Amino acid sequence: MARPPALQLDKTELVLFDLEAKRPQIHNLRYDQISRIQCGRRRQFRLYHFVAEDAIEIQSRTRLEPFLLTRRRNKTDFDRFEGELEAFAKRNNITFGRSVPDT
């Protein structure tokens, strides 16, 4: 069976499939539950060293830690997610930011 996309969008709702947890969970977030969306490079610790990778961070008002979508886990759909989330944020007046890549 094929793995579902990690993100699906509607006009006012965002559906996230959290496959990183022990038990996969589905999170339905309305636009008023999302405080900000941030795209950019992020340093993550992998196998005894830090690696810079592209990530999308979705901060929710209902959860302390943000939802994180990385390019490594979503290779084929990552660029599409960025474009759709930017349009979603603009349409629903959510703060959207792009961080400048580190050089």
Protein backbone atom coordinates (compact mmCIF):
# COMPACT_ATOMS: atom_id res chain seq x y z
CA MET A 1 0.00 0.00 0.00
CA ALA A 2 1.31 3.44 -0.91
CA ARG A 3 2.17 5.92 1.79
CA PRO A 4 -0.32 8.83 1.96
CA PRO A 5 0.99 12.38 1.48
CA ALA A 6 1.96 13.97 4.79
CA LEU A 7 -0.17 17.06 4.13
CA GLN A 8 -3.54 17.78 2.57
CA LEU A 9 -5.14 21.22 2.26
CA ASP A 10 -8.65 22.53 2.02
CA LYS A 11 -9.70 26.20 1.83
CA THR A 12 -9.75 26.64 5.62
CA GLU A 13 -8.39 23.36 7.02
CA LEU A 14 -5.07 21.55 7.06
CA VAL A 15 -4.79 17.76 7.53
CA LEU A 16 -1.40 16.48 8.74
CA PHE A 17 -0.47 12.81 8.83
CA ASP A 18 2.07 12.40 11.65
CA LEU A 19 3.94 9.25 10.65
CA GLU A 20 6.94 10.00 12.90
CA ALA A 21 5.17 9.00 16.12
CA LYS A 22 4.99 5.44 17.45
CA ARG A 23 1.36 5.33 16.41
CA PRO A 24 0.59 7.32 13.26
CA GLN A 25 -1.86 10.13 13.98
CA ILE A 26 -4.03 12.42 11.89
CA HIS A 27 -4.24 16.08 12.95
CA ASN A 28 -7.01 18.33 11.60
CA LEU A 29 -6.09 22.00 12.02
CA ARG A 30 -8.43 24.85 11.17
CA TYR A 31 -6.89 28.13 10.04
CA ASP A 32 -7.61 29.77 13.42
CA GLN A 33 -5.58 27.08 15.22
CA ILE A 34 -2.40 27.82 13.24
CA SER A 35 -0.25 30.70 14.46
CA ARG A 36 2.57 30.66 11.87
CA ILE A 37 4.21 28.69 9.07
CA GLN A 38 7.99 28.86 8.57
CA CYS A 39 9.98 27.44 5.62
CA GLY A 40 13.73 27.26 5.37
CA ARG A 41 16.92 25.46 6.35
CA ARG A 42 17.23 23.91 9.75
CA ARG A 43 20.06 22.19 11.60
CA GLN A 44 19.22 18.71 12.84
CA PHE A 45 21.34 16.22 14.75
CA ARG A 46 21.86 13.00 12.74
CA LEU A 47 24.29 10.21 13.63
CA TYR A 48 26.70 12.16 15.85
CA HIS A 49 26.82 15.37 13.80
CA PHE A 50 24.62 18.25 12.66
CA VAL A 51 23.12 18.30 9.17
CA ALA A 52 21.41 21.25 7.48
CA GLU A 53 18.20 20.31 5.71
CA ASP A 54 15.12 22.01 4.28
CA ALA A 55 12.07 21.92 6.52
CA ILE A 56 8.57 23.33 6.89
CA GLU A 57 7.54 24.18 10.44
CA ILE A 58 3.84 24.61 11.29
CA GLN A 59 3.21 26.16 14.70
CA SER A 60 -0.19 25.36 16.21
CA ARG A 61 -1.96 27.03 19.12
CA THR A 62 -3.11 23.62 20.38
CA ARG A 63 0.32 21.98 20.59
CA LEU A 64 3.58 23.07 22.22
CA GLU A 65 5.97 21.64 19.64
CA PRO A 66 5.59 22.58 15.96
CA PHE A 67 4.80 20.08 13.23
CA LEU A 68 7.88 19.50 11.11
CA LEU A 69 7.91 18.37 7.47
CA THR A 70 11.41 17.73 6.14
CA ARG A 71 12.57 17.35 2.56
CA ARG A 72 14.28 14.06 3.46
CA ARG A 73 10.95 12.46 4.45
CA ASN A 74 8.82 14.08 1.70
CA LYS A 75 11.15 14.15 -1.31
CA THR A 76 8.60 14.17 -4.11
CA ASP A 77 6.00 16.50 -2.58
CA PHE A 78 8.10 19.01 -0.62
CA ASP A 79 8.14 21.81 -3.23
CA ARG A 80 4.40 21.42 -3.80
CA PHE A 81 3.81 21.64 -0.01
CA GLU A 82 5.72 24.93 0.15
CA GLY A 83 3.68 26.54 -2.62
CA GLU A 84 0.34 25.31 -1.29
CA LEU A 85 1.12 26.39 2.27
CA GLU A 86 2.16 29.85 1.11
CA ALA A 87 -1.15 30.28 -0.73
CA PHE A 88 -3.06 28.84 2.26
CA ALA A 89 -1.35 31.28 4.65
CA LYS A 90 -2.04 34.27 2.40
CA ARG A 91 -5.69 33.30 1.95
CA ASN A 92 -6.30 32.81 5.71
CA ASN A 93 -4.10 35.64 7.09
CA ILE A 94 -1.54 33.37 8.77
CA THR A 95 2.03 34.54 9.32
CA PHE A 96 4.27 32.91 6.68
CA GLY A 97 8.03 33.26 6.69
CA ARG A 98 11.04 32.05 4.78
CA SER A 99 14.35 31.92 6.58
CA VAL A 100 17.51 32.84 4.71
CA PRO A 101 19.73 29.78 4.08
CA ASP A 102 22.99 29.68 6.02
CA THR A 103 26.14 29.89 3.91
